[in-house]
Amino acid sequence: MISCLMKKRLTAPHCECDCGGTTKGGRFLPGHDAKLKKYLVGLALSGKKRAANKLEQLGWTKHLAVAKQKRR
């Protein structure tokens, strides 16, 4: 039981942008959240529902709303 808990703590989390990198405990490597936001917003603005859903899942819907306002 203790060794199982130790392994979980020693395993670094993977960057959520799917770059394959490992973080030091956060969700993203430095700058990778911004790259992913830009990519997803671009896809969502072009009509890709999956990208809009991912933005919502990550709590980034405000970034899509701001981008839509800038396009007007």
N, C-alpha and C. Protein backbone atom coordinates (compact mmCIF):
# COMPACT_ATOMS: atom_id res chain seq x y z
N MET A 1 0.82 -1.19 0.00
CA MET A 1 0.00 0.00 0.00
C MET A 1 0.87 1.25 0.00
N ILE A 2 1.85 1.31 0.85
CA ILE A 2 2.71 2.49 0.92
C ILE A 2 3.51 2.66 -0.37
N SER A 3 4.01 1.57 -0.93
CA SER A 3 4.78 1.68 -2.17
C SER A 3 3.92 2.19 -3.31
N CYS A 4 2.64 1.83 -3.32
CA CYS A 4 1.72 2.32 -4.34
C CYS A 4 1.55 3.84 -4.22
N LEU A 5 1.41 4.33 -3.01
CA LEU A 5 1.28 5.77 -2.78
C LEU A 5 2.56 6.50 -3.16
N MET A 6 3.68 5.91 -2.87
CA MET A 6 4.97 6.53 -3.21
C MET A 6 5.12 6.66 -4.72
N LYS A 7 4.71 5.64 -5.46
CA LYS A 7 4.83 5.68 -6.92
C LYS A 7 3.96 6.80 -7.49
N LYS A 8 2.77 6.98 -6.95
CA LYS A 8 1.89 8.03 -7.44
C LYS A 8 2.51 9.40 -7.21
N ARG A 9 3.14 9.60 -6.09
CA ARG A 9 3.76 10.89 -5.79
C ARG A 9 5.01 11.14 -6.61
N LEU A 10 5.73 10.09 -6.95
CA LEU A 10 6.96 10.24 -7.71
C LEU A 10 6.73 10.41 -9.20
N THR A 11 5.56 10.02 -9.69
CA THR A 11 5.27 10.13 -11.10
C THR A 11 4.83 11.55 -11.42
N ALA A 12 5.57 12.21 -12.31
CA ALA A 12 5.24 13.57 -12.68
C ALA A 12 4.06 13.56 -13.65
N PRO A 13 3.14 14.52 -13.53
CA PRO A 13 2.01 14.58 -14.44
C PRO A 13 2.44 15.00 -15.84
N HIS A 14 1.69 14.57 -16.82
CA HIS A 14 1.98 14.93 -18.21
C HIS A 14 1.31 16.25 -18.54
N CYS A 15 1.95 17.00 -19.41
CA CYS A 15 1.41 18.27 -19.87
C CYS A 15 0.09 18.00 -20.60
N GLU A 16 -0.93 18.79 -20.30
CA GLU A 16 -2.25 18.58 -20.86
C GLU A 16 -2.38 19.03 -22.30
N CYS A 17 -1.33 19.59 -22.89
CA CYS A 17 -1.41 19.98 -24.30
C CYS A 17 -1.06 18.82 -25.22
N ASP A 18 -0.74 17.68 -24.64
CA ASP A 18 -0.39 16.46 -25.38
C ASP A 18 0.95 16.55 -26.10
N CYS A 19 1.86 17.36 -25.57
CA CYS A 19 3.19 17.45 -26.18
C CYS A 19 4.07 16.27 -25.76
N GLY A 20 3.65 15.57 -24.71
CA GLY A 20 4.42 14.45 -24.21
C GLY A 20 5.37 14.81 -23.09
N GLY A 21 5.46 16.09 -22.76
CA GLY A 21 6.34 16.53 -21.69
C GLY A 21 5.74 16.27 -20.32
N THR A 22 6.60 16.27 -19.32
CA THR A 22 6.12 16.10 -17.95
C THR A 22 6.33 17.40 -17.18
N THR A 23 5.36 17.71 -16.35
CA THR A 23 5.42 18.95 -15.58
C THR A 23 6.00 18.67 -14.19
N LYS A 24 6.19 19.72 -13.46
CA LYS A 24 6.68 19.58 -12.08
C LYS A 24 5.53 19.63 -11.09
N GLY A 25 4.34 19.27 -11.56
CA GLY A 25 3.18 19.24 -10.69
C GLY A 25 2.00 20.02 -11.22
N GLY A 26 2.24 20.91 -12.17
CA GLY A 26 1.16 21.70 -12.74
C GLY A 26 0.47 20.97 -13.89
N ARG A 27 -0.47 21.65 -14.50
CA ARG A 27 -1.20 21.06 -15.63
C ARG A 27 -0.46 21.19 -16.94
N PHE A 28 0.37 22.25 -17.08
CA PHE A 28 1.06 22.52 -18.34
C PHE A 28 2.51 22.89 -18.10
N LEU A 29 3.33 22.68 -19.11
CA LEU A 29 4.68 23.23 -19.11
C LEU A 29 4.54 24.73 -19.38
N PRO A 30 5.53 25.54 -19.01
CA PRO A 30 5.42 26.98 -19.23
C PRO A 30 5.13 27.34 -20.69
N GLY A 31 4.08 28.13 -20.90
CA GLY A 31 3.70 28.59 -22.23
C GLY A 31 2.81 27.64 -23.01
N HIS A 32 2.71 26.40 -22.58
CA HIS A 32 1.94 25.42 -23.34
C HIS A 32 0.44 25.64 -23.21
N ASP A 33 0.00 26.23 -22.11
CA ASP A 33 -1.42 26.55 -21.97
C ASP A 33 -1.82 27.62 -22.99
N ALA A 34 -0.97 28.61 -23.19
CA ALA A 34 -1.26 29.67 -24.16
C ALA A 34 -1.30 29.12 -25.58
N LYS A 35 -0.38 28.23 -25.90
CA LYS A 35 -0.37 27.62 -27.24
C LYS A 35 -1.65 26.83 -27.48
N LEU A 36 -2.06 26.07 -26.49
CA LEU A 36 -3.27 25.26 -26.62
C LEU A 36 -4.50 26.15 -26.73
N LYS A 37 -4.57 27.22 -25.94
CA LYS A 37 -5.70 28.15 -26.01
C LYS A 37 -5.81 28.74 -27.41
N LYS A 38 -4.70 29.22 -27.95
CA LYS A 38 -4.70 29.83 -29.27
C LYS A 38 -5.17 28.83 -30.33
N TYR A 39 -4.67 27.63 -30.25
CA TYR A 39 -5.02 26.58 -31.22
C TYR A 39 -6.52 26.25 -31.13
N LEU A 40 -7.01 26.03 -29.91
CA LEU A 40 -8.41 25.67 -29.73
C LEU A 40 -9.36 26.80 -30.11
N VAL A 41 -9.00 28.02 -29.78
CA VAL A 41 -9.85 29.17 -30.14
C VAL A 41 -9.92 29.29 -31.66
N GLY A 42 -8.81 29.12 -32.33
CA GLY A 42 -8.80 29.17 -33.80
C GLY A 42 -9.70 28.11 -34.41
N LEU A 43 -9.62 26.91 -33.89
CA LEU A 43 -10.48 25.84 -34.40
C LEU A 43 -11.95 26.12 -34.10
N ALA A 44 -12.22 26.59 -32.90
CA ALA A 44 -13.60 26.88 -32.52
C ALA A 44 -14.20 28.00 -33.38
N LEU A 45 -13.39 29.01 -33.68
CA LEU A 45 -13.87 30.10 -34.53
C LEU A 45 -14.17 29.63 -35.95
N SER A 46 -13.49 28.57 -36.38
CA SER A 46 -13.75 28.04 -37.72
C SER A 46 -14.90 27.03 -37.72
N GLY A 47 -15.56 26.87 -36.56
CA GLY A 47 -16.75 26.04 -36.50
C GLY A 47 -16.57 24.64 -35.95
N LYS A 48 -15.41 24.33 -35.43
CA LYS A 48 -15.15 22.99 -34.87
C LYS A 48 -15.75 22.89 -33.47
N LYS A 49 -16.80 22.09 -33.34
CA LYS A 49 -17.51 21.93 -32.06
C LYS A 49 -16.64 21.26 -31.01
N ARG A 50 -15.82 20.30 -31.41
CA ARG A 50 -14.97 19.59 -30.44
C ARG A 50 -14.00 20.55 -29.76
N ALA A 51 -13.49 21.52 -30.52
CA ALA A 51 -12.57 22.51 -29.94
C ALA A 51 -13.32 23.40 -28.95
N ALA A 52 -14.52 23.80 -29.30
CA ALA A 52 -15.33 24.62 -28.39
C ALA A 52 -15.66 23.83 -27.12
N ASN A 53 -15.94 22.56 -27.27
CA ASN A 53 -16.22 21.71 -26.11
C ASN A 53 -15.00 21.58 -25.21
N LYS A 54 -13.82 21.44 -25.82
CA LYS A 54 -12.58 21.33 -25.05
C LYS A 54 -12.30 22.62 -24.29
N LEU A 55 -12.56 23.76 -24.93
CA LEU A 55 -12.39 25.05 -24.24
C LEU A 55 -13.30 25.13 -23.03
N GLU A 56 -14.53 24.67 -23.20
CA GLU A 56 -15.47 24.66 -22.08
C GLU A 56 -15.01 23.72 -20.98
N GLN A 57 -14.51 22.57 -21.37
CA GLN A 57 -14.03 21.57 -20.41
C GLN A 57 -12.87 22.12 -19.59
N LEU A 58 -12.01 22.89 -20.21
CA LEU A 58 -10.85 23.45 -19.53
C LEU A 58 -11.17 24.75 -18.79
N GLY A 59 -12.39 25.26 -18.95
CA GLY A 59 -12.77 26.50 -18.28
C GLY A 59 -12.28 27.75 -19.01
N TRP A 60 -12.08 27.64 -20.31
CA TRP A 60 -11.53 28.74 -21.10
C TRP A 60 -12.53 29.36 -22.06
N THR A 61 -13.82 29.27 -21.79
CA THR A 61 -14.82 29.81 -22.72
C THR A 61 -14.71 31.33 -22.86
N LYS A 62 -14.21 32.00 -21.84
CA LYS A 62 -14.08 33.46 -21.94
C LYS A 62 -13.10 33.85 -23.05
N HIS A 63 -12.10 33.02 -23.31
CA HIS A 63 -11.13 33.33 -24.37
C HIS A 63 -11.79 33.26 -25.75
N LEU A 64 -12.71 32.32 -25.91
CA LEU A 64 -13.45 32.23 -27.17
C LEU A 64 -14.37 33.43 -27.34
N ALA A 65 -15.02 33.84 -26.26
CA ALA A 65 -15.91 35.00 -26.32
C ALA A 65 -15.13 36.26 -26.68
N VAL A 66 -13.96 36.44 -26.11
CA VAL A 66 -13.12 37.62 -26.42
C VAL A 66 -12.70 37.58 -27.88
N ALA A 67 -12.32 36.42 -28.38
CA ALA A 67 -11.89 36.30 -29.77
C ALA A 67 -13.05 36.60 -30.73
N LYS A 68 -14.25 36.18 -30.36
CA LYS A 68 -15.42 36.48 -31.20
C LYS A 68 -15.71 37.98 -31.22
N GLN A 69 -15.52 38.65 -30.09
CA GLN A 69 -15.72 40.11 -30.03
C GLN A 69 -14.71 40.84 -30.91
N LYS A 70 -13.49 40.36 -30.93
CA LYS A 70 -12.43 41.01 -31.73
C LYS A 70 -12.67 40.86 -33.23
N ARG A 71 -13.37 39.79 -33.61
CA ARG A 71 -13.62 39.53 -35.02
C ARG A 71 -14.67 40.47 -35.61
N ARG A 72 -15.49 41.09 -34.78
CA ARG A 72 -16.58 41.95 -35.27
C ARG A 72 -16.08 43.20 -35.90
